[in-house]
């Protein structure tokens, strides 16, 4: 089964905790042209890290957050994982530069 195309997506963080995602919203269009708006609320989160060294010797770190997420679409509710990756630049996750109320 082909994976639907995601045309738009937004990720939000709590104003209290700007370091991790708390919700997501996505507009998905299937190959047949059916469109769906999917919303997700992160229930719990596990922060992980991936560290590696480039062939040139530069240390790179990626923060990976795995969130148990409640999804809602067309009156239906489902549960699954959401994942968000940040590159760590100068000791800070680079994805924290967007507004906390991005779903607004």
Protein backbone atom coordinates (compact mmCIF):
# COMPACT_ATOMS: atom_id res chain seq x y z
CA UNK A 1 0.00 0.00 0.00
CA UNK A 2 1.54 3.39 -0.97
CA UNK A 3 2.21 5.88 1.80
CA UNK A 4 0.01 9.01 1.57
CA UNK A 5 1.70 12.29 0.72
CA UNK A 6 1.78 14.90 3.47
CA UNK A 7 1.13 18.36 2.04
CA UNK A 8 1.37 20.42 5.22
CA UNK A 9 2.47 19.65 8.72
CA UNK A 10 2.89 21.68 11.88
CA UNK A 11 4.48 20.76 15.18
CA UNK A 12 3.82 22.54 18.46
CA UNK A 13 5.63 22.72 21.73
CA UNK A 14 4.22 23.64 25.09
CA UNK A 15 4.86 27.28 26.06
CA UNK A 16 6.14 25.87 29.38
CA UNK A 17 8.56 23.45 27.75
CA UNK A 18 9.91 24.67 24.41
CA UNK A 19 12.33 21.75 24.12
CA UNK A 20 9.95 18.93 23.11
CA UNK A 21 7.00 18.52 20.77
CA UNK A 22 3.57 18.32 22.39
CA UNK A 23 1.26 18.16 19.36
CA UNK A 24 1.18 17.89 15.59
CA UNK A 25 -1.19 18.65 12.77
CA UNK A 26 -0.92 17.27 9.25
CA UNK A 27 -2.90 17.55 6.02
CA UNK A 28 -2.55 14.26 4.14
CA UNK A 29 -3.56 13.56 0.53
CA UNK A 30 -3.76 9.96 -0.69
CA UNK A 31 -2.78 8.82 -4.17
CA UNK A 32 -6.50 8.74 -5.08
CA UNK A 33 -6.87 12.39 -4.06
CA UNK A 34 -8.73 11.89 -0.75
CA UNK A 35 -7.66 14.52 1.80
CA UNK A 36 -7.49 14.16 5.57
CA UNK A 37 -6.60 16.46 8.44
CA UNK A 38 -4.86 14.53 11.20
CA UNK A 39 -4.15 15.95 14.66
CA UNK A 40 -1.93 14.35 17.27
CA UNK A 41 -1.40 15.01 20.97
CA UNK A 42 1.79 13.65 22.54
CA UNK A 43 0.91 11.74 25.71
CA UNK A 44 4.42 10.74 26.82
CA UNK A 45 7.87 11.23 25.40
CA UNK A 46 11.26 9.50 25.39
CA UNK A 47 14.27 11.67 24.44
CA UNK A 48 17.13 9.82 22.70
CA UNK A 49 20.45 10.85 21.12
CA UNK A 50 22.48 9.69 18.16
CA UNK A 51 26.17 10.64 18.15
CA UNK A 52 28.47 10.09 15.21
CA UNK A 53 31.70 11.37 13.75
CA UNK A 54 32.06 12.48 10.13
CA UNK A 55 35.00 11.18 8.04
CA UNK A 56 36.55 14.63 8.63
CA UNK A 57 36.40 14.07 12.41
CA UNK A 58 33.53 16.44 13.22
CA UNK A 59 31.24 15.29 16.04
CA UNK A 60 27.53 15.39 15.13
CA UNK A 61 24.63 14.88 17.51
CA UNK A 62 20.99 14.34 16.62
CA UNK A 63 18.30 14.46 19.28
CA UNK A 64 15.48 12.02 18.58
CA UNK A 65 12.23 12.20 20.53
CA UNK A 66 9.78 9.30 20.39
CA UNK A 67 6.30 10.29 21.53
CA UNK A 68 3.35 8.04 22.37
CA UNK A 69 0.72 10.03 20.49
CA UNK A 70 -3.06 10.10 20.34
CA UNK A 71 -4.16 10.76 16.75
CA UNK A 72 -7.58 12.09 15.68
CA UNK A 73 -8.99 12.08 12.16
CA UNK A 74 -12.58 12.24 10.92
CA UNK A 75 -13.99 11.47 14.37
CA UNK A 76 -11.76 8.44 14.88
CA UNK A 77 -9.05 8.07 17.52
CA UNK A 78 -5.89 5.99 17.23
CA UNK A 79 -2.61 5.64 19.10
CA UNK A 80 0.93 5.26 17.86
CA UNK A 81 4.40 6.81 17.86
CA UNK A 82 5.45 10.18 16.55
CA UNK A 83 9.11 10.99 16.04
CA UNK A 84 10.92 14.32 15.86
CA UNK A 85 14.61 14.83 15.09
CA UNK A 86 16.74 17.89 15.91
CA UNK A 87 20.33 18.55 15.00
CA UNK A 88 22.23 19.82 18.04
CA UNK A 89 24.06 23.02 17.05
CA UNK A 90 26.22 24.86 19.60
CA UNK A 91 24.71 22.74 22.37
CA UNK A 92 21.09 23.60 21.46
CA UNK A 93 18.47 21.69 19.48
CA UNK A 94 18.03 23.60 16.21
CA UNK A 95 14.30 22.86 16.02
CA UNK A 96 13.48 25.07 19.01
CA UNK A 97 13.61 28.15 16.79
CA UNK A 98 9.96 27.99 15.70
CA UNK A 99 7.14 29.50 17.82
CA UNK A 100 5.71 27.43 20.68
CA UNK A 101 2.17 28.09 19.41
CA UNK A 102 2.87 26.89 15.86
CA UNK A 103 -0.47 25.09 15.66
CA UNK A 104 -2.39 28.32 16.38
